Amino acid sequence: MGNVRVNPVRQAEEPDAWVLEVAGDLDASTIEAFDAAIDEVIGNGARMLVLDLTDVEFLDSTGLRGIVRASNLLGELDGRLTVAGLSGAAERVLELTGILERLRDSVTDD
């Protein structure tokens, strides 16, 4: 099974802004760690969250569900989720499913 490393980084200049660096596989075997990291940063006040997916090697439908869940949770709090630094694997999956467009649109909807 895969593994995932999730590193939350609070942005000093914006206390409600966080970057979550995700590396490895984002799938059924790692979703609990990803969801726990999302819940932790939201619990610590994150309202603007950037997922850095530069080092994601594999992303399946369970990982997609986790990303959509995070976006929905932040939306309920008048926050937003965006993505940055997409690996080829992550970009392909997010683009094919239309989620990438949704996350990009959330930045321009202000």
Protein backbone atom coordinates (compact mmCIF):
# COMPACT_ATOMS: atom_id res chain seq x y z
CA MET A 1 0.00 0.00 0.00
CA GLY A 2 1.00 3.62 -0.53
CA ASN A 3 2.02 6.21 1.95
CA VAL A 4 1.42 9.91 2.18
CA ARG A 5 3.29 12.71 3.89
CA VAL A 6 1.29 15.80 4.79
CA ASN A 7 3.05 18.91 6.06
CA PRO A 8 0.86 21.85 7.15
CA VAL A 9 2.54 25.26 7.00
CA ARG A 10 0.81 28.35 8.43
CA GLN A 11 1.55 31.50 6.50
CA ALA A 12 2.95 34.08 8.93
CA GLU A 13 1.65 37.08 7.01
CA GLU A 14 -1.93 35.70 6.89
CA PRO A 15 -2.86 33.71 10.01
CA ASP A 16 -5.91 32.09 8.37
CA ALA A 17 -3.90 31.04 5.28
CA TRP A 18 -2.19 27.66 5.19
CA VAL A 19 -0.28 25.58 2.67
CA LEU A 20 -0.66 21.82 2.97
CA GLU A 21 2.24 20.05 1.28
CA VAL A 22 1.16 16.59 0.19
CA ALA A 23 3.60 13.93 -1.03
CA GLY A 24 3.23 10.27 -2.00
CA ASP A 25 -0.03 8.47 -2.77
CA LEU A 26 -3.41 9.99 -2.03
CA ASP A 27 -5.71 6.98 -2.09
CA ALA A 28 -7.83 4.65 0.04
CA SER A 29 -4.83 3.55 2.11
CA THR A 30 -3.82 7.12 3.02
CA ILE A 31 -7.05 9.13 3.07
CA GLU A 32 -7.42 9.01 6.86
CA ALA A 33 -4.10 10.82 7.34
CA PHE A 34 -5.04 13.40 4.70
CA ASP A 35 -8.50 14.00 6.20
CA ALA A 36 -6.98 14.32 9.69
CA ALA A 37 -4.52 16.96 8.43
CA ILE A 38 -7.37 18.88 6.76
CA ASP A 39 -9.44 18.75 9.95
CA GLU A 40 -6.44 19.91 12.01
CA VAL A 41 -5.65 22.98 9.91
CA ILE A 42 -9.33 23.97 9.70
CA GLY A 43 -9.58 23.51 13.47
CA ASN A 44 -6.55 25.80 13.81
CA GLY A 45 -8.31 28.56 11.90
CA ALA A 46 -7.47 27.91 8.24
CA ARG A 47 -9.92 29.62 5.89
CA MET A 48 -7.64 29.82 2.86
CA LEU A 49 -5.92 26.52 2.14
CA VAL A 50 -3.55 25.81 -0.72
CA LEU A 51 -2.86 22.15 -1.44
CA ASP A 52 0.66 21.79 -2.81
CA LEU A 53 0.45 18.57 -4.84
CA THR A 54 3.92 18.81 -6.40
CA ASP A 55 5.05 15.48 -4.94
CA VAL A 56 1.83 13.48 -5.27
CA GLU A 57 2.69 10.30 -7.16
CA PHE A 58 -0.78 8.75 -7.32
CA LEU A 59 -4.30 10.12 -6.89
CA ASP A 60 -7.43 7.96 -7.04
CA SER A 61 -11.15 8.54 -6.51
CA THR A 62 -10.75 8.33 -2.74
CA GLY A 63 -8.14 11.09 -2.86
CA LEU A 64 -10.47 13.14 -5.03
CA ARG A 65 -13.21 12.68 -2.46
CA GLY A 66 -10.84 13.99 0.22
CA ILE A 67 -10.02 17.09 -1.83
CA VAL A 68 -13.71 17.77 -2.53
CA ARG A 69 -14.52 17.21 1.16
CA ALA A 70 -11.87 19.77 2.15
CA SER A 71 -13.22 22.26 -0.39
CA ASN A 72 -16.77 21.79 0.89
CA LEU A 73 -15.75 22.15 4.56
CA LEU A 74 -13.92 25.40 3.83
CA GLY A 75 -16.83 26.66 1.72
CA GLU A 76 -19.18 26.16 4.67
CA LEU A 77 -16.88 28.48 6.65
CA ASP A 78 -16.70 31.10 3.87
CA GLY A 79 -13.19 29.87 3.11
CA ARG A 80 -11.68 28.32 0.02
CA LEU A 81 -9.36 25.63 -1.19
CA THR A 82 -6.99 25.97 -4.13
CA VAL A 83 -4.27 23.77 -5.55
CA ALA A 84 -0.73 24.58 -6.59
CA GLY A 85 2.36 22.78 -7.83
CA LEU A 86 0.47 19.95 -9.46
CA SER A 87 2.35 16.77 -10.29
CA GLY A 88 1.52 15.25 -13.66
CA ALA A 89 -0.53 12.50 -12.00
CA ALA A 90 -2.56 14.91 -9.87
CA GLU A 91 -3.14 17.38 -12.69
CA ARG A 92 -4.41 14.69 -15.07
CA VAL A 93 -6.93 13.31 -12.61
CA LEU A 94 -8.15 16.72 -11.41
CA GLU A 95 -8.46 17.97 -14.98
CA LEU A 96 -10.33 14.89 -16.29
CA THR A 97 -12.87 15.07 -13.47
CA GLY A 98 -13.46 18.83 -13.74
CA ILE A 99 -12.33 19.41 -10.17
CA LEU A 100 -9.31 21.44 -11.24
CA GLU A 101 -11.55 23.95 -13.01
CA ARG A 102 -13.80 24.17 -9.94
CA LEU A 103 -10.84 24.87 -7.66
CA ARG A 104 -9.42 27.46 -10.04
CA ASP A 105 -12.84 29.14 -10.40
CA SER A 106 -13.09 29.50 -6.62
CA VAL A 107 -10.14 31.89 -6.73
CA THR A 108 -11.82 34.23 -9.20
CA ASP A 109 -15.33 34.15 -7.66
CA ASP A 110 -14.51 36.81 -5.03
